[in-house]
Protein backbone atom coordinates (compact mmCIF):
# COMPACT_ATOMS: atom_id res chain seq x y z
CA MET A 1 6.20 12.77 29.86
CA GLU A 2 7.17 15.18 27.10
CA THR A 3 5.08 17.17 24.66
CA THR A 4 5.77 18.46 21.17
CA ALA A 5 6.35 22.14 20.56
CA LYS A 6 2.79 22.53 19.33
CA ASN A 7 1.49 20.69 22.38
CA LEU A 8 -0.52 18.48 20.03
CA ILE A 9 1.05 15.11 20.75
CA SER A 10 2.12 13.69 24.11
CA ILE A 11 5.17 11.44 24.06
CA GLU A 12 6.02 8.65 26.48
CA LYS A 13 9.45 7.30 25.63
CA SER A 14 10.29 3.64 25.96
CA LYS A 15 12.61 2.95 28.90
CA THR A 16 14.60 0.47 26.81
CA SER A 17 15.20 -0.01 23.10
CA LYS A 18 15.11 -3.17 20.98
CA ILE A 19 17.25 -1.63 18.24
CA GLU A 20 20.44 -3.46 19.23
CA GLN A 21 18.68 -6.78 18.64
CA VAL A 22 17.90 -5.96 14.99
CA ASP A 23 19.99 -7.16 12.05
CA PHE A 24 19.55 -4.23 9.68
CA ASP A 25 21.42 -6.06 6.93
CA ASN A 26 18.76 -8.79 6.81
CA LEU A 27 15.40 -7.14 7.30
CA ALA A 28 12.30 -9.01 6.17
CA PHE A 29 9.34 -6.92 5.05
CA GLY A 30 7.03 -5.74 7.82
CA SER A 31 8.15 -8.14 10.56
CA VAL A 32 10.34 -5.97 12.84
CA PHE A 33 8.78 -3.05 14.72
CA THR A 34 10.26 0.07 16.27
CA ASP A 35 10.19 1.12 19.92
CA HIS A 36 7.15 3.39 19.68
CA MET A 37 3.69 3.72 18.15
CA LEU A 38 1.13 6.50 17.83
CA VAL A 39 -2.32 6.03 19.32
CA CYS A 40 -5.35 8.31 19.16
CA ASP A 41 -8.85 7.46 20.40
CA TYR A 42 -12.20 8.70 19.16
CA LYS A 43 -14.71 8.97 22.02
CA ASN A 44 -17.79 11.06 22.77
CA GLY A 45 -17.93 12.28 19.19
CA ALA A 46 -14.43 13.73 19.02
CA TRP A 47 -10.78 12.76 18.58
CA GLU A 48 -8.75 12.86 21.76
CA LYS A 49 -5.14 14.04 21.99
CA PRO A 50 -2.73 11.78 20.03
CA LYS A 51 -0.13 9.94 22.09
CA ILE A 52 3.16 8.32 21.22
CA VAL A 53 3.78 5.40 23.56
CA PRO A 54 6.09 2.37 23.72
CA TYR A 55 5.19 -0.28 21.13
CA GLY A 56 3.15 -3.02 22.76
CA PRO A 57 -0.06 -5.03 22.86
CA LEU A 58 -3.57 -3.60 22.98
CA MET A 59 -6.43 -4.54 25.28
CA LEU A 60 -9.89 -4.84 23.71
CA ASN A 61 -13.13 -6.27 24.97
CA PRO A 62 -14.59 -9.27 23.12
CA SER A 63 -17.60 -7.13 22.25
CA ALA A 64 -15.49 -4.56 20.38
CA LYS A 65 -17.16 -4.14 17.00
CA ILE A 66 -13.96 -4.66 15.02
CA PHE A 67 -14.32 -8.37 15.80
CA HIS A 68 -17.91 -8.57 14.59
CA TYR A 69 -18.49 -6.07 11.79
CA GLY A 70 -15.03 -5.43 10.40
CA GLN A 71 -14.79 -1.64 10.57
CA SER A 72 -11.08 -1.44 9.80
CA ILE A 73 -8.97 0.54 7.33
CA PHE A 74 -5.26 1.08 6.76
CA GLU A 75 -2.65 2.79 4.60
CA GLY A 76 0.80 1.79 3.39
CA MET A 77 3.59 4.37 3.25
CA LYS A 78 7.37 4.56 3.49
CA ALA A 79 10.03 6.90 4.86
CA TYR A 80 13.41 7.06 3.15
CA LYS A 81 16.85 8.17 4.36
CA ASP A 82 19.27 9.65 1.84
CA THR A 83 23.07 9.60 1.93
CA ALA A 84 23.09 12.75 4.08
CA LYS A 85 20.85 10.93 6.61
CA ASP A 86 17.92 13.26 5.88
CA VAL A 87 14.48 11.64 6.03
CA TYR A 88 11.76 11.97 3.41
CA LEU A 89 8.18 10.90 2.82
CA PHE A 90 6.62 10.32 -0.60
CA ARG A 91 3.24 11.98 -1.29
CA PRO A 92 2.03 11.65 2.33
CA LEU A 93 -0.93 13.99 1.87
CA ASP A 94 -2.25 11.62 -0.80
CA ASN A 95 -2.15 8.84 1.78
CA HIS A 96 -4.04 10.99 4.28
CA LYS A 97 -6.66 11.91 1.69
CA ARG A 98 -7.17 8.28 0.70
CA PHE A 99 -7.26 7.21 4.35
CA ASN A 100 -10.23 9.50 4.95
CA ILE A 101 -11.94 8.35 1.75
CA SER A 102 -11.68 4.81 3.12
CA ALA A 103 -12.91 5.97 6.53
CA LYS A 104 -15.98 7.66 5.09
CA ARG A 105 -16.93 4.56 3.07
CA MET A 106 -16.62 2.38 6.18
CA ALA A 107 -18.65 4.82 8.36
CA ILE A 108 -15.56 5.62 10.43
CA PRO A 109 -14.84 9.22 11.55
CA GLU A 110 -12.18 10.95 9.47
CA ILE A 111 -8.83 11.79 11.07
CA PRO A 112 -7.71 15.46 10.93
CA GLU A 113 -4.73 16.17 8.68
CA ASN A 114 -2.65 17.67 11.49
CA TYR A 115 -3.17 14.59 13.69
CA PHE A 116 -2.11 12.34 10.82
CA MET A 117 0.86 14.38 9.59
CA GLU A 118 2.20 15.80 12.86
CA GLY A 119 1.76 12.45 14.57
CA LEU A 120 3.64 10.69 11.78
CA LYS A 121 6.46 13.23 11.76
CA ALA A 122 6.85 13.09 15.56
CA LEU A 123 6.92 9.30 15.50
CA LEU A 124 9.53 9.20 12.73
CA GLN A 125 11.68 11.76 14.53
CA LEU A 126 11.53 9.76 17.75
CA ASP A 127 12.44 6.47 16.04
CA GLU A 128 14.70 8.05 13.40
CA LYS A 129 17.62 5.73 14.23
CA TRP A 130 15.46 2.80 13.12
CA ILE A 131 15.20 4.05 9.53
CA PRO A 132 17.56 1.74 7.59
CA THR A 133 20.20 3.08 5.24
CA LYS A 134 21.07 -0.03 3.23
CA GLU A 135 20.41 0.33 -0.51
CA GLY A 136 16.75 -0.26 -1.28
CA SER A 137 15.66 -0.42 2.36
CA SER A 138 13.15 1.94 3.97
CA MET A 139 10.85 2.45 6.92
CA TYR A 140 7.47 0.94 6.15
CA ILE A 141 4.68 2.96 7.78
CA ARG A 142 1.29 1.50 8.66
CA PRO A 143 -1.44 3.98 9.66
CA PHE A 144 -4.63 2.12 10.55
CA MET A 145 -7.96 2.64 12.28
CA PHE A 146 -10.56 0.28 13.69
CA ALA A 147 -13.75 0.13 15.76
CA THR A 148 -13.28 -0.25 19.51
CA GLY A 149 -16.83 0.62 20.55
CA GLU A 150 -18.76 -2.30 22.00
CA GLY A 151 -21.97 -4.07 21.10
CA PHE A 152 -23.40 -6.96 19.14
CA HIS A 153 -25.96 -4.81 17.31
CA ALA A 154 -25.17 -4.35 13.62
CA SER A 155 -24.36 -0.65 13.43
CA PRO A 156 -21.29 1.58 13.29
CA ALA A 157 -19.30 1.77 16.51
CA ASN A 158 -19.24 4.91 18.65
CA GLU A 159 -15.54 4.61 19.51
CA TYR A 160 -12.46 4.08 17.31
CA LYS A 161 -8.69 3.89 17.58
CA PHE A 162 -6.26 5.45 15.10
CA MET A 163 -2.70 4.15 15.18
CA ILE A 164 0.59 4.37 13.32
CA CYS A 165 3.24 1.66 13.62
CA LEU A 166 6.66 1.56 11.96
CA ALA A 167 8.53 -1.42 10.51
CA PRO A 168 12.07 -1.04 9.12
CA SER A 169 12.16 -3.19 6.01
CA GLY A 170 14.74 -4.36 3.50
CA ALA A 171 14.47 -4.15 -0.25
CA TYR A 172 11.35 -5.88 -1.53
CA PHE A 173 12.20 -8.28 -4.34
CA ALA A 174 9.36 -10.47 -5.58
CA GLY A 175 11.48 -12.21 -8.22
CA LYS A 176 9.78 -13.60 -11.29
CA VAL A 177 6.05 -13.44 -10.65
CA LYS A 178 3.76 -15.97 -12.28
CA VAL A 179 0.10 -14.99 -12.14
CA LEU A 180 -3.23 -16.62 -12.93
CA ILE A 181 -6.13 -14.68 -14.45
CA GLU A 182 -9.00 -15.28 -12.03
CA GLU A 183 -12.41 -15.98 -13.56
CA THR A 184 -14.37 -17.49 -10.66
CA TYR A 185 -13.79 -15.29 -7.63
CA SER A 186 -13.96 -11.50 -7.48
CA ARG A 187 -11.99 -9.05 -5.40
CA SER A 188 -14.79 -6.48 -5.28
CA ALA A 189 -18.04 -5.39 -6.91
CA ASN A 190 -19.79 -2.29 -8.20
CA GLY A 191 -21.09 -0.24 -5.31
CA GLY A 192 -18.80 -2.08 -2.91
CA VAL A 193 -15.66 -1.12 -1.03
CA GLY A 194 -12.97 -2.16 -3.51
CA PHE A 195 -11.66 1.41 -3.78
CA ALA A 196 -11.15 1.61 0.00
CA LYS A 197 -8.22 0.15 1.89
CA ALA A 198 -10.51 -1.88 4.10
CA GLY A 199 -9.06 -4.91 5.84
CA GLY A 200 -11.81 -7.20 4.59
CA ASN A 201 -10.85 -6.54 0.97
CA TYR A 202 -7.55 -8.27 1.56
CA ALA A 203 -8.92 -11.07 3.71
CA GLY A 204 -11.25 -11.97 0.85
CA GLN A 205 -8.28 -12.32 -1.52
CA PHE A 206 -6.42 -14.93 0.49
CA TYR A 207 -8.47 -18.01 -0.43
CA PRO A 208 -8.51 -17.51 -4.24
CA THR A 209 -4.81 -16.66 -4.08
CA GLN A 210 -4.08 -19.83 -2.15
CA LEU A 211 -5.88 -21.84 -4.83
CA ALA A 212 -3.68 -20.22 -7.48
CA ILE A 213 -0.55 -20.97 -5.44
CA GLU A 214 -1.56 -24.63 -5.29
CA LYS A 215 -1.62 -24.59 -9.11
CA GLY A 216 1.93 -23.23 -9.28
CA TYR A 217 1.26 -19.50 -9.51
CA ASN A 218 2.38 -16.72 -7.17
CA GLN A 219 -0.60 -14.42 -7.46
CA VAL A 220 -3.87 -13.78 -9.27
CA ILE A 221 -4.96 -11.13 -11.71
CA TRP A 222 -8.42 -9.96 -10.74
CA THR A 223 -11.08 -9.45 -13.37
CA ASP A 224 -14.41 -7.62 -13.18
CA ASP A 225 -17.07 -9.20 -11.01
CA ASN A 226 -19.80 -9.27 -13.67
CA THR A 227 -18.29 -10.77 -16.83
CA HIS A 228 -14.66 -11.55 -15.85
CA GLU A 229 -13.74 -10.08 -19.22
CA HIS A 230 -11.70 -7.11 -18.01
CA ILE A 231 -8.37 -7.10 -16.18
CA GLU A 232 -8.45 -4.87 -13.11
CA GLU A 233 -5.74 -5.53 -10.49
CA ALA A 234 -2.82 -7.86 -9.77
CA GLY A 235 -3.10 -9.34 -6.30
CA ALA A 236 -3.06 -6.37 -3.91
CA MET A 237 -1.52 -4.08 -6.55
CA ASN A 238 -2.67 -2.01 -9.49
CA ILE A 239 -1.72 -3.50 -12.84
CA PHE A 240 -0.09 -2.10 -15.97
CA VAL A 241 0.09 -3.75 -19.40
CA ARG A 242 2.45 -2.74 -22.20
CA ILE A 243 1.27 -3.57 -25.71
CA ASN A 244 3.88 -2.56 -28.28
CA ASP A 245 5.05 0.81 -26.93
CA THR A 246 1.82 1.83 -25.18
CA LEU A 247 1.38 1.51 -21.42
CA ILE A 248 -2.19 0.70 -20.38
CA THR A 249 -3.87 0.60 -16.98
CA ALA A 250 -7.49 0.27 -15.92
CA PRO A 251 -9.39 3.34 -14.71
CA THR A 252 -10.19 3.59 -11.02
CA SER A 253 -13.72 2.75 -9.98
CA ASP A 254 -15.74 1.35 -7.06
CA ARG A 255 -13.72 -1.84 -7.55
CA ILE A 256 -10.21 -0.51 -8.10
CA LEU A 257 -7.91 1.22 -5.61
CA ASP A 258 -6.66 4.68 -6.52
CA GLY A 259 -3.04 3.67 -6.00
CA ILE A 260 -0.50 6.40 -5.24
CA THR A 261 2.26 4.44 -7.00
CA ARG A 262 -0.16 3.98 -9.92
CA LYS A 263 -0.72 7.73 -10.21
CA SER A 264 3.02 8.38 -9.96
CA ILE A 265 3.78 5.88 -12.74
CA ILE A 266 1.24 7.52 -15.03
CA ASP A 267 2.69 10.99 -14.45
CA ILE A 268 6.30 9.88 -14.86
CA ALA A 269 5.49 7.87 -17.99
CA LYS A 270 3.85 10.91 -19.57
CA ALA A 271 6.87 13.04 -18.64
CA GLU A 272 9.11 10.45 -20.32
CA LYS A 273 6.95 10.64 -23.50
CA ILE A 274 5.72 7.07 -23.03
CA PRO A 275 2.26 6.65 -24.58
CA VAL A 276 -0.22 6.02 -21.74
CA GLU A 277 -3.82 4.89 -21.96
CA VAL A 278 -6.15 4.72 -18.95
CA ARG A 279 -8.95 2.49 -20.16
CA LYS A 280 -10.56 -0.89 -19.72
CA ILE A 281 -8.32 -3.81 -20.73
CA THR A 282 -9.96 -7.04 -21.85
CA VAL A 283 -8.54 -10.46 -21.09
CA LYS A 284 -9.03 -11.29 -24.77
CA GLU A 285 -6.87 -8.31 -25.79
CA VAL A 286 -4.04 -9.38 -23.48
CA VAL A 287 -4.15 -13.03 -24.58
CA GLU A 288 -4.17 -12.07 -28.26
CA ALA A 289 -1.27 -9.66 -27.70
CA ALA A 290 0.69 -12.46 -26.00
CA GLN A 291 -0.04 -14.75 -28.94
CA ASN A 292 0.97 -12.28 -31.64
CA GLY A 293 4.05 -10.95 -29.79
CA SER A 294 2.84 -7.42 -29.16
CA LEU A 295 2.55 -7.94 -25.38
CA LYS A 296 5.87 -6.63 -24.05
CA GLU A 297 5.33 -6.19 -20.31
CA MET A 298 2.93 -6.63 -17.42
CA PHE A 299 3.64 -5.43 -13.91
CA GLY A 300 2.00 -4.70 -10.59
CA ALA A 301 2.41 -1.33 -8.87
CA GLY A 302 2.20 -0.64 -5.14
CA THR A 303 3.99 0.77 -2.11
CA ALA A 304 5.84 -2.36 -0.98
CA ALA A 305 7.56 -3.38 -4.22
CA VAL A 306 6.99 -0.13 -6.18
CA ILE A 307 6.91 -2.20 -9.39
CA SER A 308 6.69 -5.99 -9.57
CA PRO A 309 7.27 -7.37 -13.10
CA ILE A 310 5.15 -10.32 -14.22
CA SER A 311 7.07 -13.01 -16.09
CA THR A 312 4.18 -15.37 -16.95
CA PHE A 313 0.41 -15.30 -16.84
CA GLY A 314 -1.95 -18.23 -16.99
CA HIS A 315 -5.40 -18.32 -18.61
CA ARG A 316 -7.72 -21.29 -19.09
CA GLY A 317 -5.01 -23.92 -18.91
CA SER A 318 -2.39 -22.11 -20.98
CA ASP A 319 0.65 -20.16 -19.77
CA TYR A 320 2.05 -17.18 -21.64
CA ASP A 321 5.64 -16.06 -21.02
CA LEU A 322 6.52 -12.40 -21.39
CA PRO A 323 9.75 -11.40 -23.16
CA VAL A 324 12.85 -10.41 -21.21
CA LEU A 325 13.69 -6.84 -22.23
CA ASP A 326 17.01 -5.05 -21.86
CA ALA A 327 15.30 -1.67 -21.39
CA SER A 328 11.88 -2.27 -19.90
CA TYR A 329 9.37 0.35 -18.87
CA ALA A 330 9.21 -1.38 -15.48
CA SER A 331 12.90 -0.85 -14.73
CA LEU A 332 12.89 2.72 -16.05
CA LEU A 333 9.80 3.78 -14.10
CA LYS A 334 10.91 2.10 -10.89
CA LYS A 335 14.26 3.89 -11.01
CA LYS A 336 12.59 7.22 -11.68
CA ILE A 337 10.29 6.79 -8.67
CA THR A 338 12.90 5.48 -6.25
CA ASP A 339 15.40 8.18 -7.24
CA ILE A 340 12.80 10.75 -6.16
CA GLN A 341 12.00 8.86 -2.97
CA TYR A 342 15.65 8.59 -1.90
CA ASN A 343 16.48 12.19 -2.88
CA LYS A 344 18.83 11.11 -5.66
CA THR A 345 17.32 13.42 -8.24
CA GLU A 346 15.32 16.61 -8.57
CA ASP A 347 11.66 16.19 -7.70
CA THR A 348 9.91 18.14 -10.44
CA PHE A 349 6.51 16.85 -9.31
CA GLY A 350 6.65 18.15 -5.74
CA TRP A 351 6.05 14.71 -4.20
CA ARG A 352 8.95 14.49 -1.76
CA VAL A 353 8.40 15.82 1.80
CA LYS A 354 11.34 16.29 4.14
CA ILE A 355 10.84 15.40 7.79
């Protein structure tokens, strides 16, 4: 057993490594896991000492409340290795802040910043050899927390488990994405938990998305729960619309996730003198723009793909193709973000954190 210099995190190293079994030239997204994971339990009203242990299965009782009342949250992050083999995170304190916002909304105790950050750094340092170096690849990081306390009574649990697992992943290419504007089902509602990264938010998306896939689409564009007149998100990503030269995205709310990639795109676009509007976007406005030729781009924004361009959207039986541009905002903004993430350019925003 070893301990960190600050004696905050105990480390139990794996006796063997799986790294030799991994084809780092052909990594699927989020399907290969490193040798270690971080675990921290909340019991008796306090967080215990974080531990890094060999990656492996968990043991939970059937009465654990995660199985019955869904107290579960997560984050999505990445670590990047530059050409000098130095390792960087991108806006990790924003992830920690949002993680605790999600925790509070789900009546889960918040995790201290030093547990989150020092635990993450120690885990990345231990499994540093797993961070891929192939162009576009990265280490996907999944912090998550769930109820382990027992009982069938409908109330918050009294015990929780915070964990971080790592998954080396290749470049995420979604290809041409064809989406359907959803007007029957809703992702979230006013006063709900749409702004939180709660597991149930994503589980609720699967069925409507599957229906869209059966119709020949890849994903859905979510609209507001009340009127279905306003575009809000694209699948599990924030959405941006370019009409003429103006980039538009919906404001965050109870229903819309405050995406870190979303915020980065807005800041970079403003720095590049791209007109940006954060306002409600109506379905009617987007359809009319597609019909009159002023709709230039639509794309999703999130951690996994950074930016995922939309090639076609469907609405009420009609499909609308977006133009293919030589110099799109999507390609420009993605390059600007990834150049910061991989330490290829100066970070004037102060987002990059070296491990």
